Structures are given as C-alpha cells and as structure tokens.
Amino acid sequence: MKSTLLEGDYIFTSKYSYGYSKHSFPFSPNIFSGRIFYTPPKRGDIVVFKPTRNDSIRFVKRVIGTPGDKVQMIEGELYLNDQKVERRQIESFFDYESNRNIPRYIETLLSGKEHEILVDNISNKLSYNTPVYYVPNDQFFVMGDNRNNSLDSRFPEVGFVPMENIIGRVSIVGLSFKLGKVDWLPFNFRLPVALRLNRVLHKVV
C-alpha cells in the first residue's frame, strides 16, 4: 500500500463503518452469517479483510470495484466500467528499502475521490495487463496502491472479497516506526529504529 501506508505503520480500523460480521470478532466465531447493521464500502475506501482462501491472515487494500462494476488493467492503466481512470504524476516517492525513486501519481476515481498510487517501473506483467473482472453481488474488487507490487483481487490467491470477510475501514495511522535491519538477526529481520513523527495520527485517505 505504499505510499499511502508504510511498513511500520500501526493503524486504527473502524469496525462499525460497515456493520458487523463474524470476522469482526476475535477468532471469527460462527455465531451468525452475513452482516448486521450493514453499510457497504465505497470506491476508494481502504479496508482490512480476510481473504476467502486463508482467513487466518489479514490484508489491507483499497476498494476499487463494487458490485456490478467492470474492472480491467490495460498497459498499466486502470479501467473502471470501460472508462480509463484519470491520474496525474506528482513528485516521486523515495523508497528507503530499495534506495530508489518510484513514480507517484494522484488517481481520481469516477466518484471524484483522489488518492496516491505508485507505478513501479519494475512492473509485474501479470498485474500490468489483466482480463476483465466483473464484480459479483455482495463482493468487492480491491487493489493495492503500490500497483505493480501488490497481491490483490487481480490474483487468485485473493480474488473478490465477500462483504462478510471485511473487518473494517482504515481511518488513521496511530504510530509509525522506521524499520532497520539488524545484522545479528536471521532472515533479514528488521526492528523499529526511529519514530516517524510526521505520521503519528496521520489521516489515511
């Protein structure tokens, strides 16, 4: 989700924004099906959800397609209901992990909502050009803001997200720590090395 969210961000999630499902509770107890007090997510919302194929993990992605929408990527450009989603380039994002600049854009969804995306020149061709996705009833199509480096609805490991699997909407970054590699730890494990003061209580859009 770079550059909207960074590794080391601790986020607050509003569970009541979309009502409640069994996944709103610890361990997802099978006490009821569907959602209660349901308000559907809107295009552009950032949501926390459990993928259908593995409900032991949580993903954070942006809602791009709602029920009935048609979604496709053509030559790295997002098309929604056969309309190309407009974007304009802004200052590049410097990625400290890879020590390089990545092109950054403001994308404007059909609703007028704007958000930042990264379009990495090191593209994943599977996400660069895709088939057409038709979003089913009660399901959503989600994508990461780091467009060419995101495991999202374009891939079968995630696919469409049922409304029941959405946990809540991301609203704010509570704390954020820059992570650094520690030489004596295995597997390139990284630990917090500095507090990012400019991201404390940062509103997520």
C-alpha atoms as a PDB file:
ATOM      1  CA  MET A   1       0.000   0.000   0.000  1.00  0.00           C
ATOM      2  CA  LYS A   2       2.959   2.375  -0.387  1.00  0.00           C
ATOM      3  CA  SER A   3       2.976   5.305  -0.276  1.00  0.00           C
ATOM      4  CA  THR A   4      -0.408   5.558   1.483  1.00  0.00           C
ATOM      5  CA  LEU A   5       0.687   3.112   4.171  1.00  0.00           C
ATOM      6  CA  LEU A   6       4.252   2.207   5.053  1.00  0.00           C
ATOM      7  CA  GLU A   7       5.806  -0.807   6.699  1.00  0.00           C
ATOM      8  CA  GLY A   8       5.973   0.026  10.395  1.00  0.00           C
ATOM      9  CA  ASP A   9       2.622   1.861  10.450  1.00  0.00           C
ATOM     10  CA  TYR A  10       0.213   0.929  13.235  1.00  0.00           C
ATOM     11  CA  ILE A  11      -3.291   1.612  12.002  1.00  0.00           C
ATOM     12  CA  PHE A  12      -6.693   2.115  13.604  1.00  0.00           C
ATOM     13  CA  THR A  13      -9.607   0.301  11.981  1.00  0.00           C
ATOM     14  CA  SER A  14     -13.240   1.336  12.311  1.00  0.00           C
ATOM     15  CA  LYS A  15     -15.200  -1.908  12.564  1.00  0.00           C
ATOM     16  CA  TYR A  16     -18.604  -0.243  12.844  1.00  0.00           C
ATOM     17  CA  SER A  17     -18.264   1.573   9.494  1.00  0.00           C
ATOM     18  CA  TYR A  18     -19.704  -1.368   7.549  1.00  0.00           C
ATOM     19  CA  GLY A  19     -21.616  -3.150  10.279  1.00  0.00           C
ATOM     20  CA  TYR A  20     -20.506  -6.426  11.803  1.00  0.00           C
ATOM     21  CA  SER A  21     -19.805  -9.963  10.622  1.00  0.00           C
ATOM     22  CA  LYS A  22     -18.291 -12.951  12.386  1.00  0.00           C
ATOM     23  CA  HIS A  23     -14.866 -11.653  11.292  1.00  0.00           C
ATOM     24  CA  SER A  24     -15.402  -8.519  13.384  1.00  0.00           C
ATOM     25  CA  PHE A  25     -14.734 -10.632  16.473  1.00  0.00           C
ATOM     26  CA  PRO A  26     -11.579 -12.441  17.623  1.00  0.00           C
ATOM     27  CA  PHE A  27     -11.221 -15.938  16.144  1.00  0.00           C
ATOM     28  CA  SER A  28     -14.221 -15.344  13.807  1.00  0.00           C
ATOM     29  CA  PRO A  29     -16.779 -17.317  15.848  1.00  0.00           C
ATOM     30  CA  ASN A  30     -19.505 -18.825  13.682  1.00  0.00           C
ATOM     31  CA  ILE A  31     -22.325 -17.111  15.566  1.00  0.00           C
ATOM     32  CA  PHE A  32     -24.149 -15.695  12.532  1.00  0.00           C
ATOM     33  CA  SER A  33     -23.692 -15.334   8.780  1.00  0.00           C
ATOM     34  CA  GLY A  34     -23.593 -12.235   6.603  1.00  0.00           C
ATOM     35  CA  ARG A  35     -23.501  -8.776   8.200  1.00  0.00           C
ATOM     36  CA  ILE A  36     -25.694  -6.866  10.600  1.00  0.00           C
ATOM     37  CA  PHE A  37     -26.148  -3.055  10.552  1.00  0.00           C
ATOM     38  CA  TYR A  38     -24.590  -3.256   7.080  1.00  0.00           C
ATOM     39  CA  THR A  39     -23.382  -0.202   5.165  1.00  0.00           C
ATOM     40  CA  PRO A  40     -21.413  -1.142   2.022  1.00  0.00           C
ATOM     41  CA  PRO A  41     -17.885   0.150   1.403  1.00  0.00           C
ATOM     42  CA  LYS A  42     -17.435   2.873  -1.194  1.00  0.00           C
ATOM     43  CA  ARG A  43     -14.914   3.026  -4.001  1.00  0.00           C
ATOM     44  CA  GLY A  44     -11.687   4.406  -2.616  1.00  0.00           C
ATOM     45  CA  ASP A  45     -12.157   3.123   0.950  1.00  0.00           C
ATOM     46  CA  ILE A  46      -9.178   1.309   2.458  1.00  0.00           C
ATOM     47  CA  VAL A  47     -10.338  -1.869   4.144  1.00  0.00           C
ATOM     48  CA  VAL A  48      -8.960  -4.642   6.299  1.00  0.00           C
ATOM     49  CA  PHE A  49     -10.250  -8.066   5.275  1.00  0.00           C
ATOM     50  CA  LYS A  50      -9.621 -11.784   5.400  1.00  0.00           C
ATOM     51  CA  PRO A  51      -9.138 -13.469   2.009  1.00  0.00           C
ATOM     52  CA  THR A  52     -11.517 -16.315   1.282  1.00  0.00           C
ATOM     53  CA  ARG A  53      -8.750 -18.848   0.720  1.00  0.00           C
ATOM     54  CA  ASN A  54      -6.978 -18.152   4.015  1.00  0.00           C
ATOM     55  CA  ASP A  55      -8.965 -16.476   6.767  1.00  0.00           C
ATOM     56  CA  SER A  56      -6.056 -16.755   9.209  1.00  0.00           C
ATOM     57  CA  ILE A  57      -4.381 -13.656   7.727  1.00  0.00           C
ATOM     58  CA  ARG A  58      -5.441 -10.048   7.179  1.00  0.00           C
ATOM     59  CA  PHE A  59      -4.933  -7.877   4.124  1.00  0.00           C
ATOM     60  CA  VAL A  60      -5.155  -4.094   3.760  1.00  0.00           C
ATOM     61  CA  LYS A  61      -6.203  -2.869   0.300  1.00  0.00           C
ATOM     62  CA  ARG A  62      -8.251  -0.162  -1.400  1.00  0.00           C
ATOM     63  CA  VAL A  63     -11.763  -0.841  -2.728  1.00  0.00           C
ATOM     64  CA  ILE A  64     -11.744  -0.221  -6.478  1.00  0.00           C
ATOM     65  CA  GLY A  65     -14.752  -2.181  -7.731  1.00  0.00           C
ATOM     66  CA  THR A  66     -18.161  -2.506  -6.076  1.00  0.00           C
ATOM     67  CA  PRO A  67     -20.939  -4.983  -7.017  1.00  0.00           C
ATOM     68  CA  GLY A  68     -21.809  -4.726 -10.707  1.00  0.00           C
ATOM     69  CA  ASP A  69     -18.580  -2.945 -11.694  1.00  0.00           C
ATOM     70  CA  LYS A  70     -16.289  -3.981 -14.540  1.00  0.00           C
ATOM     71  CA  VAL A  71     -12.556  -3.685 -13.766  1.00  0.00           C
ATOM     72  CA  GLN A  72      -9.514  -4.144 -16.003  1.00  0.00           C
ATOM     73  CA  MET A  73      -5.861  -3.107 -16.251  1.00  0.00           C
ATOM     74  CA  ILE A  74      -4.634  -2.251 -19.763  1.00  0.00           C
ATOM     75  CA  GLU A  75      -0.963  -1.357 -20.228  1.00  0.00           C
ATOM     76  CA  GLY A  76      -0.745  -0.405 -16.574  1.00  0.00           C
ATOM     77  CA  GLU A  77      -3.798   1.886 -16.711  1.00  0.00           C
ATOM     78  CA  LEU A  78      -6.909   1.213 -14.625  1.00  0.00           C
ATOM     79  CA  TYR A  79     -10.241   0.996 -16.448  1.00  0.00           C
ATOM     80  CA  LEU A  80     -13.481   1.040 -14.496  1.00  0.00           C
ATOM     81  CA  ASN A  81     -16.753   0.368 -16.328  1.00  0.00           C
ATOM     82  CA  ASP A  82     -14.920   0.885 -19.651  1.00  0.00           C
ATOM     83  CA  GLN A  83     -13.650   4.326 -18.603  1.00  0.00           C
ATOM     84  CA  LYS A  84      -9.964   4.984 -18.049  1.00  0.00           C
ATOM     85  CA  VAL A  85      -9.393   6.233 -14.520  1.00  0.00           C
ATOM     86  CA  GLU A  86      -7.534   9.529 -14.706  1.00  0.00           C
ATOM     87  CA  ARG A  87      -4.223  10.047 -12.962  1.00  0.00           C
ATOM     88  CA  ARG A  88      -1.639  12.828 -12.861  1.00  0.00           C
ATOM     89  CA  GLN A  89       2.014  12.478 -11.984  1.00  0.00           C
ATOM     90  CA  ILE A  90       3.432  14.200  -8.908  1.00  0.00           C
ATOM     91  CA  GLU A  91       6.773  14.149  -7.093  1.00  0.00           C
ATOM     92  CA  SER A  92       8.367  10.683  -6.985  1.00  0.00           C
ATOM     93  CA  PHE A  93       8.332   8.583  -3.832  1.00  0.00           C
ATOM     94  CA  PHE A  94      11.747   7.706  -2.417  1.00  0.00           C
ATOM     95  CA  ASP A  95      11.694   4.126  -1.199  1.00  0.00           C
ATOM     96  CA  TYR A  96      14.254   3.664   1.573  1.00  0.00           C
ATOM     97  CA  GLU A  97      14.005  -0.110   1.344  1.00  0.00           C
ATOM     98  CA  SER A  98      15.140  -0.281  -2.283  1.00  0.00           C
ATOM     99  CA  ASN A  99      17.023   3.062  -2.180  1.00  0.00           C
ATOM    100  CA  ARG A 100      15.381   4.417  -5.330  1.00  0.00           C
ATOM    101  CA  ASN A 101      12.693   6.762  -6.575  1.00  0.00           C
ATOM    102  CA  ILE A 102       9.363   5.315  -7.706  1.00  0.00           C
ATOM    103  CA  PRO A 103       6.942   7.276  -9.932  1.00  0.00           C
ATOM    104  CA  ARG A 104       3.961   8.547  -7.935  1.00  0.00           C
ATOM    105  CA  TYR A 105       0.542   9.663  -9.195  1.00  0.00           C
ATOM    106  CA  ILE A 106      -2.734  11.077  -7.934  1.00  0.00           C
ATOM    107  CA  GLU A 107      -5.511   8.792  -9.164  1.00  0.00           C
ATOM    108  CA  THR A 108      -9.078  10.109  -9.394  1.00  0.00           C
ATOM    109  CA  LEU A 109     -11.855   7.534  -9.208  1.00  0.00           C
ATOM    110  CA  LEU A 110     -15.182   8.027 -11.001  1.00  0.00           C
ATOM    111  CA  SER A 111     -16.688   9.341  -7.760  1.00  0.00           C
ATOM    112  CA  GLY A 112     -14.099  12.131  -7.685  1.00  0.00           C
ATOM    113  CA  LYS A 113     -12.166  10.636  -4.755  1.00  0.00           C
ATOM    114  CA  GLU A 114      -8.407  11.134  -5.072  1.00  0.00           C
ATOM    115  CA  HIS A 115      -5.578   9.067  -3.648  1.00  0.00           C
ATOM    116  CA  GLU A 116      -1.892   8.402  -4.274  1.00  0.00           C
ATOM    117  CA  ILE A 117      -0.589   5.388  -6.162  1.00  0.00           C
ATOM    118  CA  LEU A 118       2.880   4.173  -7.100  1.00  0.00           C
ATOM    119  CA  VAL A 119       3.555   2.800 -10.570  1.00  0.00           C
ATOM    120  CA  ASP A 120       6.851   0.960 -10.319  1.00  0.00           C
ATOM    121  CA  ASN A 121       8.916   0.749 -13.488  1.00  0.00           C
ATOM    122  CA  ILE A 122       9.820  -2.785 -12.452  1.00  0.00           C
ATOM    123  CA  SER A 123       6.404  -3.991 -13.471  1.00  0.00           C
ATOM    124  CA  ASN A 124       4.690  -7.267 -12.719  1.00  0.00           C
ATOM    125  CA  LYS A 125       3.274  -8.162 -16.133  1.00  0.00           C
ATOM    126  CA  LEU A 126       0.518 -10.249 -14.524  1.00  0.00           C
ATOM    127  CA  SER A 127      -0.858  -7.080 -12.936  1.00  0.00           C
ATOM    128  CA  TYR A 128       0.014  -4.757 -15.848  1.00  0.00           C
ATOM    129  CA  ASN A 129      -2.487  -6.299 -18.290  1.00  0.00           C
ATOM    130  CA  THR A 130      -5.418  -8.289 -16.959  1.00  0.00           C
ATOM    131  CA  PRO A 131      -8.641  -9.893 -18.132  1.00  0.00           C
ATOM    132  CA  VAL A 132     -11.932  -8.137 -17.418  1.00  0.00           C
ATOM    133  CA  TYR A 133     -13.222  -8.684 -13.890  1.00  0.00           C
ATOM    134  CA  TYR A 134     -16.982  -8.490 -13.302  1.00  0.00           C
ATOM    135  CA  VAL A 135     -17.624  -7.824  -9.606  1.00  0.00           C
ATOM    136  CA  PRO A 136     -20.371 -10.140  -8.257  1.00  0.00           C
ATOM    137  CA  ASN A 137     -23.163  -9.163  -5.878  1.00  0.00           C
ATOM    138  CA  ASP A 138     -22.091  -8.704  -2.258  1.00  0.00           C
ATOM    139  CA  GLN A 139     -18.400  -8.802  -3.218  1.00  0.00           C
ATOM    140  CA  PHE A 140     -15.678  -6.222  -3.855  1.00  0.00           C
ATOM    141  CA  PHE A 141     -12.593  -5.821  -6.030  1.00  0.00           C
ATOM    142  CA  VAL A 142      -9.589  -4.489  -4.116  1.00  0.00           C
ATOM    143  CA  MET A 143      -6.159  -3.283  -5.203  1.00  0.00           C
ATOM    144  CA  GLY A 144      -3.013  -2.059  -3.519  1.00  0.00           C
ATOM    145  CA  ASP A 145      -1.787   1.487  -4.048  1.00  0.00           C
ATOM    146  CA  ASN A 146       1.658   0.142  -4.968  1.00  0.00           C
ATOM    147  CA  ARG A 147       0.093  -1.041  -8.201  1.00  0.00           C
ATOM    148  CA  ASN A 148       2.743  -3.270  -9.738  1.00  0.00           C
ATOM    149  CA  ASN A 149       3.779  -4.790  -6.423  1.00  0.00           C
ATOM    150  CA  SER A 150       0.517  -5.821  -4.811  1.00  0.00           C
ATOM    151  CA  LEU A 151      -1.132  -9.179  -4.183  1.00  0.00           C
ATOM    152  CA  ASP A 152      -4.788  -8.247  -4.567  1.00  0.00           C
ATOM    153  CA  SER A 153      -8.011  -9.111  -6.410  1.00  0.00           C
ATOM    154  CA  ARG A 154      -6.108  -9.455  -9.681  1.00  0.00           C
ATOM    155  CA  PHE A 155      -4.657 -12.705  -8.383  1.00  0.00           C
ATOM    156  CA  PRO A 156      -6.484 -15.941  -7.449  1.00  0.00           C
ATOM    157  CA  GLU A 157      -4.835 -16.025  -4.012  1.00  0.00           C
ATOM    158  CA  VAL A 158      -7.051 -13.075  -3.086  1.00  0.00           C
ATOM    159  CA  GLY A 159      -9.800 -12.738  -5.689  1.00  0.00           C
ATOM    160  CA  PHE A 160     -13.035 -10.925  -4.934  1.00  0.00           C
ATOM    161  CA  VAL A 161     -13.666 -10.050  -1.282  1.00  0.00           C
ATOM    162  CA  PRO A 162     -17.077 -11.093   0.103  1.00  0.00           C
ATOM    163  CA  MET A 163     -18.799  -8.463   2.228  1.00  0.00           C
ATOM    164  CA  GLU A 164     -18.708 -10.918   5.150  1.00  0.00           C
ATOM    165  CA  ASN A 165     -14.892 -11.038   5.079  1.00  0.00           C
ATOM    166  CA  ILE A 166     -14.391  -7.290   5.533  1.00  0.00           C
ATOM    167  CA  ILE A 167     -13.276  -6.424   9.057  1.00  0.00           C
ATOM    168  CA  GLY A 168     -13.394  -2.644   8.896  1.00  0.00           C
ATOM    169  CA  ARG A 169     -12.226   0.615   7.333  1.00  0.00           C
ATOM    170  CA  VAL A 170      -8.769   2.042   7.915  1.00  0.00           C
ATOM    171  CA  SER A 171      -9.096   5.583   9.224  1.00  0.00           C
ATOM    172  CA  ILE A 172      -5.830   6.717  10.803  1.00  0.00           C
ATOM    173  CA  VAL A 173      -2.200   5.804  11.475  1.00  0.00           C
ATOM    174  CA  GLY A 174      -1.713   5.764  15.224  1.00  0.00           C
ATOM    175  CA  LEU A 175       2.046   5.259  15.389  1.00  0.00           C
ATOM    176  CA  SER A 176       4.688   4.691  12.759  1.00  0.00           C
ATOM    177  CA  PHE A 177       8.224   3.370  13.103  1.00  0.00           C
ATOM    178  CA  LYS A 178      11.024   3.257  10.572  1.00  0.00           C
ATOM    179  CA  LEU A 179      12.357  -0.285  10.447  1.00  0.00           C
ATOM    180  CA  GLY A 180      16.023  -1.152  10.188  1.00  0.00           C
ATOM    181  CA  LYS A 181      17.881  -4.374   9.507  1.00  0.00           C
ATOM    182  CA  VAL A 182      19.677  -5.899  12.478  1.00  0.00           C
ATOM    183  CA  ASP A 183      22.781  -7.811  11.387  1.00  0.00           C
ATOM    184  CA  TRP A 184      22.702 -10.372  14.176  1.00  0.00           C
ATOM    185  CA  LEU A 185      19.112 -11.423  13.422  1.00  0.00           C
ATOM    186  CA  PRO A 186      18.433 -14.033  10.705  1.00  0.00           C
ATOM    187  CA  PHE A 187      16.288 -13.777   7.554  1.00  0.00           C
ATOM    188  CA  ASN A 188      16.798 -10.009   7.103  1.00  0.00           C
ATOM    189  CA  PHE A 189      14.577  -9.427  10.134  1.00  0.00           C
ATOM    190  CA  ARG A 190      14.050  -5.748  10.880  1.00  0.00           C
ATOM    191  CA  LEU A 191      13.215  -3.868  14.073  1.00  0.00           C
ATOM    192  CA  PRO A 192      11.879  -0.342  14.790  1.00  0.00           C
ATOM    193  CA  VAL A 193      14.778   2.122  14.848  1.00  0.00           C
ATOM    194  CA  ALA A 194      13.039   5.509  14.776  1.00  0.00           C
ATOM    195  CA  LEU A 195       9.601   7.031  15.328  1.00  0.00           C
ATOM    196  CA  ARG A 196       8.140   8.761  12.253  1.00  0.00           C
ATOM    197  CA  LEU A 197       6.656  11.806  13.974  1.00  0.00           C
ATOM    198  CA  ASN A 198       5.112  13.130  10.757  1.00  0.00           C
ATOM    199  CA  ARG A 199       2.915  10.020  10.518  1.00  0.00           C
ATOM    200  CA  VAL A 200       1.637   9.947  14.100  1.00  0.00           C
ATOM    201  CA  LEU A 201      -2.179  10.412  13.990  1.00  0.00           C
ATOM    202  CA  HIS A 202      -1.891  10.698  10.210  1.00  0.00           C
ATOM    203  CA  LYS A 203      -5.288  10.513   8.477  1.00  0.00           C
ATOM    204  CA  VAL A 204      -5.491   7.799   5.834  1.00  0.00           C
ATOM    205  CA  VAL A 205      -7.180   8.752   2.543  1.00  0.00           C
END
